[in-house]
C-alpha atoms as a PDB file:
ATOM      1  CA  MET A   1      32.525  36.151 132.636  1.00  0.00           C
ATOM      2  CA  PRO A   2      31.802  38.994 135.081  1.00  0.00           C
ATOM      3  CA  SER A   3      30.849  38.089 138.612  1.00  0.00           C
ATOM      4  CA  LYS A   4      27.365  38.653 139.980  1.00  0.00           C
ATOM      5  CA  THR A   5      28.673  41.422 142.227  1.00  0.00           C
ATOM      6  CA  GLN A   6      30.272  43.230 139.314  1.00  0.00           C
ATOM      7  CA  ASP A   7      27.117  42.867 137.223  1.00  0.00           C
ATOM      8  CA  ASN A   8      24.897  44.295 139.959  1.00  0.00           C
ATOM      9  CA  SER A   9      27.200  47.274 140.429  1.00  0.00           C
ATOM     10  CA  LYS A  10      26.447  48.251 136.856  1.00  0.00           C
ATOM     11  CA  TYR A  11      22.847  48.836 137.848  1.00  0.00           C
ATOM     12  CA  SER A  12      23.305  50.944 140.942  1.00  0.00           C
ATOM     13  CA  THR A  13      20.158  52.602 142.247  1.00  0.00           C
ATOM     14  CA  SER A  14      21.940  55.954 142.149  1.00  0.00           C
ATOM     15  CA  GLN A  15      23.884  55.659 138.896  1.00  0.00           C
ATOM     16  CA  LEU A  16      23.227  53.602 135.761  1.00  0.00           C
ATOM     17  CA  LEU A  17      26.373  54.547 133.821  1.00  0.00           C
ATOM     18  CA  ASN A  18      29.890  53.923 135.042  1.00  0.00           C
ATOM     19  CA  PHE A  19      31.653  57.276 134.795  1.00  0.00           C
ATOM     20  CA  ALA A  20      35.420  57.555 135.129  1.00  0.00           C
ATOM     21  CA  ARG A  21      36.358  57.279 138.798  1.00  0.00           C
ATOM     22  CA  GLY A  22      37.006  60.681 140.355  1.00  0.00           C
ATOM     23  CA  SER A  23      35.501  62.631 137.427  1.00  0.00           C
ATOM     24  CA  TYR A  24      32.951  65.387 137.949  1.00  0.00           C
ATOM     25  CA  LEU A  25      30.133  63.145 136.685  1.00  0.00           C
ATOM     26  CA  GLU A  26      31.138  60.297 138.999  1.00  0.00           C
ATOM     27  CA  ARG A  27      31.665  62.484 142.057  1.00  0.00           C
ATOM     28  CA  THR A  28      28.407  64.405 141.736  1.00  0.00           C
ATOM     29  CA  SER A  29      26.382  61.211 141.257  1.00  0.00           C
ATOM     30  CA  ARG A  30      27.278  60.071 144.780  1.00  0.00           C
ATOM     31  CA  PRO A  31      24.555  60.217 147.469  1.00  0.00           C
ATOM     32  CA  VAL A  32      26.757  62.358 149.740  1.00  0.00           C
ATOM     33  CA  TYR A  33      26.910  65.003 147.021  1.00  0.00           C
ATOM     34  CA  ALA A  34      23.129  64.898 146.732  1.00  0.00           C
ATOM     35  CA  LEU A  35      22.843  65.462 150.473  1.00  0.00           C
ATOM     36  CA  VAL A  36      25.244  68.422 150.557  1.00  0.00           C
ATOM     37  CA  PHE A  37      23.795  69.956 147.381  1.00  0.00           C
ATOM     38  CA  LEU A  38      20.158  69.680 148.485  1.00  0.00           C
ATOM     39  CA  LEU A  39      20.658  70.706 152.113  1.00  0.00           C
ATOM     40  CA  PRO A  40      20.331  74.472 151.392  1.00  0.00           C
ATOM     41  CA  PHE A  41      17.131  73.774 149.416  1.00  0.00           C
ATOM     42  CA  ILE A  42      15.682  71.761 152.298  1.00  0.00           C
ATOM     43  CA  ILE A  43      16.536  74.492 154.808  1.00  0.00           C
ATOM     44  CA  PHE A  44      15.096  77.187 152.520  1.00  0.00           C
ATOM     45  CA  TYR A  45      11.867  75.226 152.128  1.00  0.00           C
ATOM     46  CA  GLU A  46      11.482  74.563 155.850  1.00  0.00           C
ATOM     47  CA  VAL A  47      12.342  78.088 156.977  1.00  0.00           C
ATOM     48  CA  GLY A  48      10.283  79.644 154.198  1.00  0.00           C
ATOM     49  CA  THR A  49       7.276  77.502 155.050  1.00  0.00           C
ATOM     50  CA  LEU A  50       7.463  78.542 158.698  1.00  0.00           C
ATOM     51  CA  LEU A  51       8.385  82.207 158.472  1.00  0.00           C
ATOM     52  CA  ILE A  52       7.211  83.759 155.204  1.00  0.00           C
ATOM     53  CA  ASN A  53       4.691  86.558 155.830  1.00  0.00           C
ATOM     54  CA  THR A  54       1.662  85.034 154.107  1.00  0.00           C
ATOM     55  CA  ASP A  55      -1.285  82.904 155.128  1.00  0.00           C
ATOM     56  CA  LEU A  56      -0.700  80.713 152.079  1.00  0.00           C
ATOM     57  CA  LEU A  57       2.226  78.993 153.749  1.00  0.00           C
ATOM     58  CA  ASN A  58       0.740  78.547 157.185  1.00  0.00           C
ATOM     59  CA  ARG A  59       2.364  75.346 158.443  1.00  0.00           C
ATOM     60  CA  SER A  60      -0.934  73.822 159.461  1.00  0.00           C
ATOM     61  CA  GLN A  61      -2.577  74.498 156.100  1.00  0.00           C
ATOM     62  CA  ILE A  62      -0.179  74.296 153.165  1.00  0.00           C
ATOM     63  CA  ARG A  63       2.393  71.631 152.434  1.00  0.00           C
ATOM     64  CA  VAL A  64       3.681  69.753 149.407  1.00  0.00           C
ATOM     65  CA  VAL A  65       1.579  66.586 149.186  1.00  0.00           C
ATOM     66  CA  ALA A  66       4.572  64.234 149.055  1.00  0.00           C
ATOM     67  CA  PHE A  67       5.788  65.874 152.276  1.00  0.00           C
ATOM     68  CA  VAL A  68       2.407  65.272 153.938  1.00  0.00           C
ATOM     69  CA  TRP A  69       2.370  61.640 152.816  1.00  0.00           C
ATOM     70  CA  LEU A  70       5.686  61.008 154.550  1.00  0.00           C
ATOM     71  CA  GLN A  71       4.358  62.625 157.718  1.00  0.00           C
ATOM     72  CA  ASP A  72       1.135  60.592 157.599  1.00  0.00           C
ATOM     73  CA  LEU A  73       3.063  57.357 157.054  1.00  0.00           C
ATOM     74  CA  LEU A  74       5.176  57.869 160.163  1.00  0.00           C
ATOM     75  CA  ASP A  75       2.153  59.046 162.131  1.00  0.00           C
ATOM     76  CA  TRP A  76       0.338  55.833 161.120  1.00  0.00           C
ATOM     77  CA  ALA A  77       3.416  53.841 162.193  1.00  0.00           C
ATOM     78  CA  GLY A  78       3.055  55.268 165.696  1.00  0.00           C
ATOM     79  CA  PHE A  79       5.760  57.925 165.838  1.00  0.00           C
ATOM     80  CA  GLY A  80       5.068  61.010 167.937  1.00  0.00           C
ATOM     81  CA  SER A  81       3.900  64.285 166.455  1.00  0.00           C
ATOM     82  CA  LYS A  82       7.218  65.989 167.237  1.00  0.00           C
ATOM     83  CA  PHE A  83       9.056  63.394 165.162  1.00  0.00           C
ATOM     84  CA  THR A  84       6.604  63.464 162.251  1.00  0.00           C
ATOM     85  CA  SER A  85       7.058  67.238 161.974  1.00  0.00           C
ATOM     86  CA  ILE A  86      10.634  66.626 160.824  1.00  0.00           C
ATOM     87  CA  ALA A  87       9.949  63.293 159.114  1.00  0.00           C
ATOM     88  CA  ALA A  88      10.355  64.350 155.508  1.00  0.00           C
ATOM     89  CA  PRO A  89      13.738  66.119 155.756  1.00  0.00           C
ATOM     90  CA  LEU A  90      14.935  63.356 158.085  1.00  0.00           C
ATOM     91  CA  ALA A  91      13.886  60.754 155.498  1.00  0.00           C
ATOM     92  CA  VAL A  92      16.032  62.498 152.869  1.00  0.00           C
ATOM     93  CA  LEU A  93      18.982  62.518 155.279  1.00  0.00           C
ATOM     94  CA  VAL A  94      18.657  58.878 156.364  1.00  0.00           C
ATOM     95  CA  ILE A  95      18.062  57.457 152.875  1.00  0.00           C
ATOM     96  CA  LEU A  96      20.968  59.321 151.293  1.00  0.00           C
ATOM     97  CA  LEU A  97      23.319  58.405 154.137  1.00  0.00           C
ATOM     98  CA  ALA A  98      22.272  54.765 153.811  1.00  0.00           C
ATOM     99  CA  LEU A  99      22.873  54.814 150.052  1.00  0.00           C
ATOM    100  CA  GLN A 100      26.262  56.430 150.594  1.00  0.00           C
ATOM    101  CA  LEU A 101      27.239  53.758 153.117  1.00  0.00           C
ATOM    102  CA  THR A 102      26.161  50.876 150.880  1.00  0.00           C
ATOM    103  CA  SER A 103      27.833  52.393 147.802  1.00  0.00           C
ATOM    104  CA  ARG A 104      31.224  52.395 149.560  1.00  0.00           C
ATOM    105  CA  ALA A 105      32.078  55.503 147.539  1.00  0.00           C
ATOM    106  CA  SER A 106      34.311  58.270 148.809  1.00  0.00           C
ATOM    107  CA  TRP A 107      32.780  60.669 151.342  1.00  0.00           C
ATOM    108  CA  LYS A 108      34.933  63.558 150.151  1.00  0.00           C
ATOM    109  CA  VAL A 109      32.954  66.512 148.777  1.00  0.00           C
ATOM    110  CA  ARG A 110      34.535  69.281 146.729  1.00  0.00           C
ATOM    111  CA  LEU A 111      32.544  72.414 147.452  1.00  0.00           C
ATOM    112  CA  LYS A 112      33.647  73.917 144.133  1.00  0.00           C
ATOM    113  CA  ASP A 113      31.500  71.243 142.423  1.00  0.00           C
ATOM    114  CA  LEU A 114      28.269  72.636 143.891  1.00  0.00           C
ATOM    115  CA  LEU A 115      28.027  75.678 141.614  1.00  0.00           C
ATOM    116  CA  PRO A 116      28.519  73.609 138.408  1.00  0.00           C
ATOM    117  CA  MET A 117      25.850  71.231 139.742  1.00  0.00           C
ATOM    118  CA  ALA A 118      23.411  74.139 140.039  1.00  0.00           C
ATOM    119  CA  GLY A 119      24.283  75.247 136.512  1.00  0.00           C
ATOM    120  CA  GLU A 120      23.780  71.699 135.230  1.00  0.00           C
ATOM    121  CA  CYS A 121      20.348  71.533 136.882  1.00  0.00           C
ATOM    122  CA  ILE A 122      19.297  74.817 135.271  1.00  0.00           C
ATOM    123  CA  VAL A 123      20.424  73.624 131.839  1.00  0.00           C
ATOM    124  CA  LEU A 124      18.628  70.294 132.306  1.00  0.00           C
ATOM    125  CA  ALA A 125      15.429  72.122 133.339  1.00  0.00           C
ATOM    126  CA  ILE A 126      15.267  74.113 130.093  1.00  0.00           C
ATOM    127  CA  PRO A 127      14.016  71.192 127.916  1.00  0.00           C
ATOM    128  CA  LEU A 128      11.071  70.795 130.304  1.00  0.00           C
ATOM    129  CA  ILE A 129      10.237  74.494 129.993  1.00  0.00           C
ATOM    130  CA  VAL A 130      10.316  74.190 126.197  1.00  0.00           C
ATOM    131  CA  LEU A 131       8.227  70.995 126.278  1.00  0.00           C
ATOM    132  CA  SER A 132       5.679  72.649 128.544  1.00  0.00           C
ATOM    133  CA  LEU A 133       5.336  75.607 126.198  1.00  0.00           C
ATOM    134  CA  LEU A 134       4.936  73.305 123.196  1.00  0.00           C
ATOM    135  CA  LEU A 135       2.370  70.954 124.736  1.00  0.00           C
ATOM    136  CA  ASN A 136       0.197  73.410 126.617  1.00  0.00           C
ATOM    137  CA  ARG A 137      -1.604  76.651 126.116  1.00  0.00           C
ATOM    138  CA  PRO A 138      -2.419  79.190 128.841  1.00  0.00           C
ATOM    139  CA  VAL A 139      -6.016  78.952 129.998  1.00  0.00           C
ATOM    140  CA  THR A 140      -8.169  80.852 132.418  1.00  0.00           C
ATOM    141  CA  VAL A 141      -8.853  78.579 135.373  1.00  0.00           C
ATOM    142  CA  PRO A 142     -12.168  79.183 137.186  1.00  0.00           C
ATOM    143  CA  PRO A 143     -11.754  79.838 140.936  1.00  0.00           C
ATOM    144  CA  GLN A 144     -13.826  76.777 141.884  1.00  0.00           C
ATOM    145  CA  GLN A 145     -11.147  74.504 140.464  1.00  0.00           C
ATOM    146  CA  HIS A 146      -8.934  75.473 143.369  1.00  0.00           C
ATOM    147  CA  GLY A 147     -11.214  74.189 146.097  1.00  0.00           C
ATOM    148  CA  GLY A 148     -10.976  70.846 147.881  1.00  0.00           C
ATOM    149  CA  VAL A 149      -8.060  69.363 149.677  1.00  0.00           C
ATOM    150  CA  VAL A 150      -5.294  70.690 147.444  1.00  0.00           C
ATOM    151  CA  ALA A 151      -4.568  73.685 145.249  1.00  0.00           C
ATOM    152  CA  ASN A 152      -2.022  74.047 142.480  1.00  0.00           C
ATOM    153  CA  ALA A 153       1.055  76.064 143.318  1.00  0.00           C
ATOM    154  CA  ALA A 154       0.167  78.468 140.519  1.00  0.00           C
ATOM    155  CA  VAL A 155      -3.087  79.164 138.694  1.00  0.00           C
ATOM    156  CA  VAL A 156      -1.541  78.176 135.369  1.00  0.00           C
ATOM    157  CA  ALA A 157      -0.196  74.884 136.765  1.00  0.00           C
ATOM    158  CA  SER A 158      -3.173  73.145 135.168  1.00  0.00           C
ATOM    159  CA  ALA A 159      -2.138  74.671 131.859  1.00  0.00           C
ATOM    160  CA  GLY A 160       1.308  73.219 132.171  1.00  0.00           C
ATOM    161  CA  TYR A 161       3.311  76.363 132.881  1.00  0.00           C
ATOM    162  CA  GLY A 162       3.266  76.147 136.658  1.00  0.00           C
ATOM    163  CA  ASP A 163       5.301  73.964 138.978  1.00  0.00           C
ATOM    164  CA  MET A 164       4.611  70.238 139.131  1.00  0.00           C
ATOM    165  CA  GLY A 165       3.984  70.241 142.866  1.00  0.00           C
ATOM    166  CA  ILE A 166       0.733  70.700 144.761  1.00  0.00           C
ATOM    167  CA  ARG A 167       0.079  71.860 148.289  1.00  0.00           C
ATOM    168  CA  ALA A 168      -2.293  70.397 150.844  1.00  0.00           C
ATOM    169  CA  GLN A 169      -4.884  72.432 152.702  1.00  0.00           C
ATOM    170  CA  PRO A 170      -8.102  71.643 154.576  1.00  0.00           C
ATOM    171  CA  ALA A 171     -11.151  71.076 152.401  1.00  0.00           C
ATOM    172  CA  SER A 172     -13.177  73.611 154.365  1.00  0.00           C
ATOM    173  CA  SER A 173     -10.684  76.451 154.036  1.00  0.00           C
ATOM    174  CA  PRO A 174     -11.172  79.104 151.350  1.00  0.00           C
ATOM    175  CA  ARG A 175      -8.472  79.697 148.807  1.00  0.00           C
ATOM    176  CA  PRO A 176      -5.901  81.852 150.630  1.00  0.00           C
ATOM    177  CA  GLN A 177      -4.513  85.049 149.184  1.00  0.00           C
ATOM    178  CA  ALA A 178      -0.743  85.395 149.247  1.00  0.00           C
ATOM    179  CA  ARG A 179       1.027  88.699 149.760  1.00  0.00           C
ATOM    180  CA  ASN A 180       3.932  87.386 147.683  1.00  0.00           C
ATOM    181  CA  PRO A 181       2.604  84.581 145.451  1.00  0.00           C
ATOM    182  CA  PHE A 182       5.848  84.369 143.458  1.00  0.00           C
ATOM    183  CA  LEU A 183       7.858  83.568 146.582  1.00  0.00           C
ATOM    184  CA  VAL A 184       5.178  81.086 147.649  1.00  0.00           C
ATOM    185  CA  ASN A 185       5.480  79.291 144.317  1.00  0.00           C
ATOM    186  CA  VAL A 186       9.273  79.225 144.584  1.00  0.00           C
ATOM    187  CA  ILE A 187       9.176  77.751 148.097  1.00  0.00           C
ATOM    188  CA  THR A 188       6.583  75.099 147.299  1.00  0.00           C
ATOM    189  CA  GLY A 189       8.302  74.339 143.998  1.00  0.00           C
ATOM    190  CA  ILE A 190      11.550  73.609 145.819  1.00  0.00           C
ATOM    191  CA  GLY A 191       9.684  71.364 148.249  1.00  0.00           C
ATOM    192  CA  ALA A 192       8.028  69.534 145.358  1.00  0.00           C
ATOM    193  CA  GLY A 193      11.367  69.089 143.623  1.00  0.00           C
ATOM    194  CA  ILE A 194      12.912  67.387 146.638  1.00  0.00           C
ATOM    195  CA  TYR A 195      10.048  65.377 148.097  1.00  0.00           C
ATOM    196  CA  GLU A 196       8.334  64.294 144.888  1.00  0.00           C
ATOM    197  CA  GLU A 197      11.644  63.038 143.547  1.00  0.00           C
ATOM    198  CA  LEU A 198      12.248  61.267 146.860  1.00  0.00           C
ATOM    199  CA  LEU A 199       8.867  59.552 146.639  1.00  0.00           C
ATOM    200  CA  PHE A 200       8.385  58.876 142.923  1.00  0.00           C
ATOM    201  CA  ARG A 201      11.975  58.268 141.833  1.00  0.00           C
ATOM    202  CA  LEU A 202      14.236  57.321 144.724  1.00  0.00           C
ATOM    203  CA  ILE A 203      11.693  55.259 146.681  1.00  0.00           C
ATOM    204  CA  LEU A 204       9.113  54.109 144.118  1.00  0.00           C
ATOM    205  CA  ILE A 205      11.441  53.198 141.238  1.00  0.00           C
ATOM    206  CA  CYS A 206      13.861  51.379 143.550  1.00  0.00           C
ATOM    207  CA  ALA A 207      10.969  49.509 145.195  1.00  0.00           C
ATOM    208  CA  LEU A 208       9.481  48.536 141.829  1.00  0.00           C
ATOM    209  CA  MET A 209      12.872  47.376 140.539  1.00  0.00           C
ATOM    210  CA  LEU A 210      13.298  45.260 143.655  1.00  0.00           C
ATOM    211  CA  LEU A 211       9.843  43.728 143.212  1.00  0.00           C
ATOM    212  CA  LEU A 212       9.982  43.143 139.462  1.00  0.00           C
ATOM    213  CA  GLN A 213      13.617  42.111 139.102  1.00  0.00           C
ATOM    214  CA  ASP A 214      14.499  40.386 142.367  1.00  0.00           C
ATOM    215  CA  VAL A 215      11.137  38.997 143.491  1.00  0.00           C
ATOM    216  CA  ILE A 216       9.221  38.305 140.262  1.00  0.00           C
ATOM    217  CA  GLY A 217      12.358  37.637 138.247  1.00  0.00           C
ATOM    218  CA  LEU A 218      11.826  39.856 135.197  1.00  0.00           C
ATOM    219  CA  GLU A 219      14.780  40.937 133.088  1.00  0.00           C
ATOM    220  CA  HIS A 220      16.511  44.158 134.089  1.00  0.00           C
ATOM    221  CA  THR A 221      15.490  46.086 130.969  1.00  0.00           C
ATOM    222  CA  THR A 222      11.853  45.010 131.261  1.00  0.00           C
ATOM    223  CA  SER A 223      11.801  45.852 134.964  1.00  0.00           C
ATOM    224  CA  MET A 224      13.267  49.279 134.281  1.00  0.00           C
ATOM    225  CA  ILE A 225      10.763  50.125 131.540  1.00  0.00           C
ATOM    226  CA  ILE A 226       7.815  49.087 133.704  1.00  0.00           C
ATOM    227  CA  SER A 227       9.176  50.903 136.769  1.00  0.00           C
ATOM    228  CA  ILE A 228       9.771  54.130 134.876  1.00  0.00           C
ATOM    229  CA  GLY A 229       6.356  53.967 133.187  1.00  0.00           C
ATOM    230  CA  VAL A 230       4.457  53.287 136.418  1.00  0.00           C
ATOM    231  CA  SER A 231       6.303  55.961 138.397  1.00  0.00           C
ATOM    232  CA  ALA A 232       5.829  58.561 135.638  1.00  0.00           C
ATOM    233  CA  ALA A 233       2.100  57.815 135.296  1.00  0.00           C
ATOM    234  CA  LEU A 234       1.505  57.951 139.063  1.00  0.00           C
ATOM    235  CA  PHE A 235       3.587  61.132 139.318  1.00  0.00           C
ATOM    236  CA  SER A 236       1.356  62.774 136.725  1.00  0.00           C
ATOM    237  CA  LEU A 237      -1.892  61.347 138.084  1.00  0.00           C
ATOM    238  CA  HIS A 238      -1.250  62.593 141.624  1.00  0.00           C
ATOM    239  CA  HIS A 239      -1.558  66.161 140.316  1.00  0.00           C
ATOM    240  CA  HIS A 240      -5.187  65.376 139.486  1.00  0.00           C
ATOM    241  CA  ILE A 241      -6.319  62.818 142.069  1.00  0.00           C
ATOM    242  CA  ILE A 242      -4.694  62.068 145.424  1.00  0.00           C
ATOM    243  CA  PHE A 243      -5.416  59.950 148.474  1.00  0.00           C
ATOM    244  CA  MET A 244      -5.030  61.966 151.655  1.00  0.00           C
ATOM    245  CA  HIS A 245      -6.478  61.825 155.169  1.00  0.00           C
ATOM    246  CA  GLY A 246      -8.340  58.615 154.330  1.00  0.00           C
ATOM    247  CA  ARG A 247     -10.095  59.697 151.144  1.00  0.00           C
ATOM    248  CA  PHE A 248      -9.587  60.412 147.457  1.00  0.00           C
ATOM    249  CA  ASP A 249      -9.878  63.991 146.258  1.00  0.00           C
ATOM    250  CA  GLN A 250      -9.674  65.682 142.893  1.00  0.00           C
ATOM    251  CA  THR A 251      -6.898  68.278 142.865  1.00  0.00           C
ATOM    252  CA  ALA A 252      -7.423  69.676 139.369  1.00  0.00           C
ATOM    253  CA  VAL A 253      -9.721  69.164 136.402  1.00  0.00           C
ATOM    254  CA  PHE A 254      -8.226  66.455 134.168  1.00  0.00           C
ATOM    255  CA  ASN A 255      -6.808  67.682 130.857  1.00  0.00           C
ATOM    256  CA  TRP A 256      -4.695  65.554 128.524  1.00  0.00           C
ATOM    257  CA  PRO A 257      -1.971  68.122 127.705  1.00  0.00           C
ATOM    258  CA  PRO A 258      -0.797  68.705 131.303  1.00  0.00           C
ATOM    259  CA  PHE A 259      -1.192  64.998 132.097  1.00  0.00           C
ATOM    260  CA  LEU A 260       0.969  64.014 129.122  1.00  0.00           C
ATOM    261  CA  PHE A 261       3.483  66.741 129.942  1.00  0.00           C
ATOM    262  CA  ARG A 262       3.899  65.576 133.534  1.00  0.00           C
ATOM    263  CA  THR A 263       4.103  61.935 132.428  1.00  0.00           C
ATOM    264  CA  MET A 264       6.875  62.830 129.983  1.00  0.00           C
ATOM    265  CA  ALA A 265       8.526  64.893 132.701  1.00  0.00           C
ATOM    266  CA  GLY A 266       8.354  61.840 134.983  1.00  0.00           C
ATOM    267  CA  VAL A 267      10.147  59.753 132.348  1.00  0.00           C
ATOM    268  CA  TYR A 268      12.719  62.535 131.939  1.00  0.00           C
ATOM    269  CA  PHE A 269      13.353  62.701 135.693  1.00  0.00           C
ATOM    270  CA  ALA A 270      13.628  58.910 135.842  1.00  0.00           C
ATOM    271  CA  GLY A 271      16.298  58.998 133.142  1.00  0.00           C
ATOM    272  CA  LEU A 272      18.189  61.688 135.031  1.00  0.00           C
ATOM    273  CA  PHE A 273      17.922  59.673 138.233  1.00  0.00           C
ATOM    274  CA  ALA A 274      19.329  56.571 136.538  1.00  0.00           C
ATOM    275  CA  VAL A 275      22.239  58.451 134.968  1.00  0.00           C
ATOM    276  CA  ARG A 276      23.028  61.342 137.334  1.00  0.00           C
ATOM    277  CA  GLY A 277      21.619  60.296 140.699  1.00  0.00           C
ATOM    278  CA  PHE A 278      19.145  61.852 143.109  1.00  0.00           C
ATOM    279  CA  GLY A 279      20.847  65.206 143.695  1.00  0.00           C
ATOM    280  CA  ILE A 280      20.864  66.387 140.079  1.00  0.00           C
ATOM    281  CA  THR A 281      17.349  65.015 139.512  1.00  0.00           C
ATOM    282  CA  ALA A 282      15.796  66.789 142.514  1.00  0.00           C
ATOM    283  CA  GLY A 283      17.762  69.945 141.705  1.00  0.00           C
ATOM    284  CA  THR A 284      16.524  69.908 138.099  1.00  0.00           C
ATOM    285  CA  HIS A 285      12.929  69.495 139.281  1.00  0.00           C
ATOM    286  CA  ALA A 286      13.324  72.342 141.777  1.00  0.00           C
ATOM    287  CA  PHE A 287      14.931  74.663 139.221  1.00  0.00           C
ATOM    288  CA  TYR A 288      12.198  73.846 136.708  1.00  0.00           C
ATOM    289  CA  ASP A 289       9.623  74.933 139.275  1.00  0.00           C
ATOM    290  CA  ILE A 290      11.584  78.114 140.016  1.00  0.00           C
ATOM    291  CA  LEU A 291      11.892  78.980 136.328  1.00  0.00           C
ATOM    292  CA  ALA A 292       8.204  78.192 135.756  1.00  0.00           C
ATOM    293  CA  ALA A 293       7.214  80.403 138.698  1.00  0.00           C
ATOM    294  CA  ALA A 294       9.331  83.231 137.277  1.00  0.00           C
ATOM    295  CA  MET A 295       7.731  82.838 133.839  1.00  0.00           C
ATOM    296  CA  ASN A 296       4.283  82.819 135.431  1.00  0.00           C
ATOM    297  CA  ALA A 297       4.994  85.967 137.425  1.00  0.00           C
ATOM    298  CA  PHE A 298       6.913  88.061 134.916  1.00  0.00           C
ATOM    299  CA  PHE A 299       5.750  86.879 131.468  1.00  0.00           C
ATOM    300  CA  PHE A 300       2.259  85.396 131.826  1.00  0.00           C
ATOM    301  CA  GLY A 301       1.060  87.424 134.815  1.00  0.00           C
ATOM    302  CA  THR A 302      -0.351  84.347 136.594  1.00  0.00           C
ATOM    303  CA  ALA A 303       1.591  84.204 139.843  1.00  0.00           C
ATOM    304  CA  GLU A 304      -1.451  84.202 142.053  1.00  0.00           C
END
């Protein structure tokens, strides 16, 4: 009979399947690989947000909502404004380092694995592109749907073709006009890929599993199904209604096709997270957003 320690190791928060030790799949599922792989994306998002020549990415106006939530949480906890400005990337760093330490896995990273990881993420993003095209139809979105606290990263996001991330801006500000909307969508899509996966998969699913399995005492399979379903539904719902700055706001008109698509995408990302870990999951989300932005700009003509 396997020991309790051995049984728990089967259900690691970063890897559900036990791949052969030292194999590509095992190595790249480690938290340290996720950190090294995602670091260029984090830097690109931060630098792009600060320096790109467009009002749409003014640091004080536009941010991925999951990023803002992390900042607000630390601000509420009493941390200084200088610390909260780097809270989100620091949270990624601290959480992944903590997972790496507790996993007791090797810290060795083979840099030659990073390019295959990028290729894997692109391949894994393609089913979401196909699903989006099957479930949704392009629609003309009236300008007034982009008012309020948040705006979709692309006009066709509400039709399912745009990225799955949204950006925060003051309710009183008019919809900004970007000089390079494609680059804006790429930058915010990368931010959504990292920080939404951090919030809805790495943090939320692990917290729900802890609550349902360890506190309430539900079976592992039941806890996993509930955790995945709740995280996927909330992930989809937050693209329509969010709580920010002390109030609820509607971010987009509710339509069933995009809601169902994002819910299914949430389940897909949860499966990737359970099997391949955080790095591949966040990378797949980011590459989906990049591919969707490219399709919007060059095939559907809806980059703005």
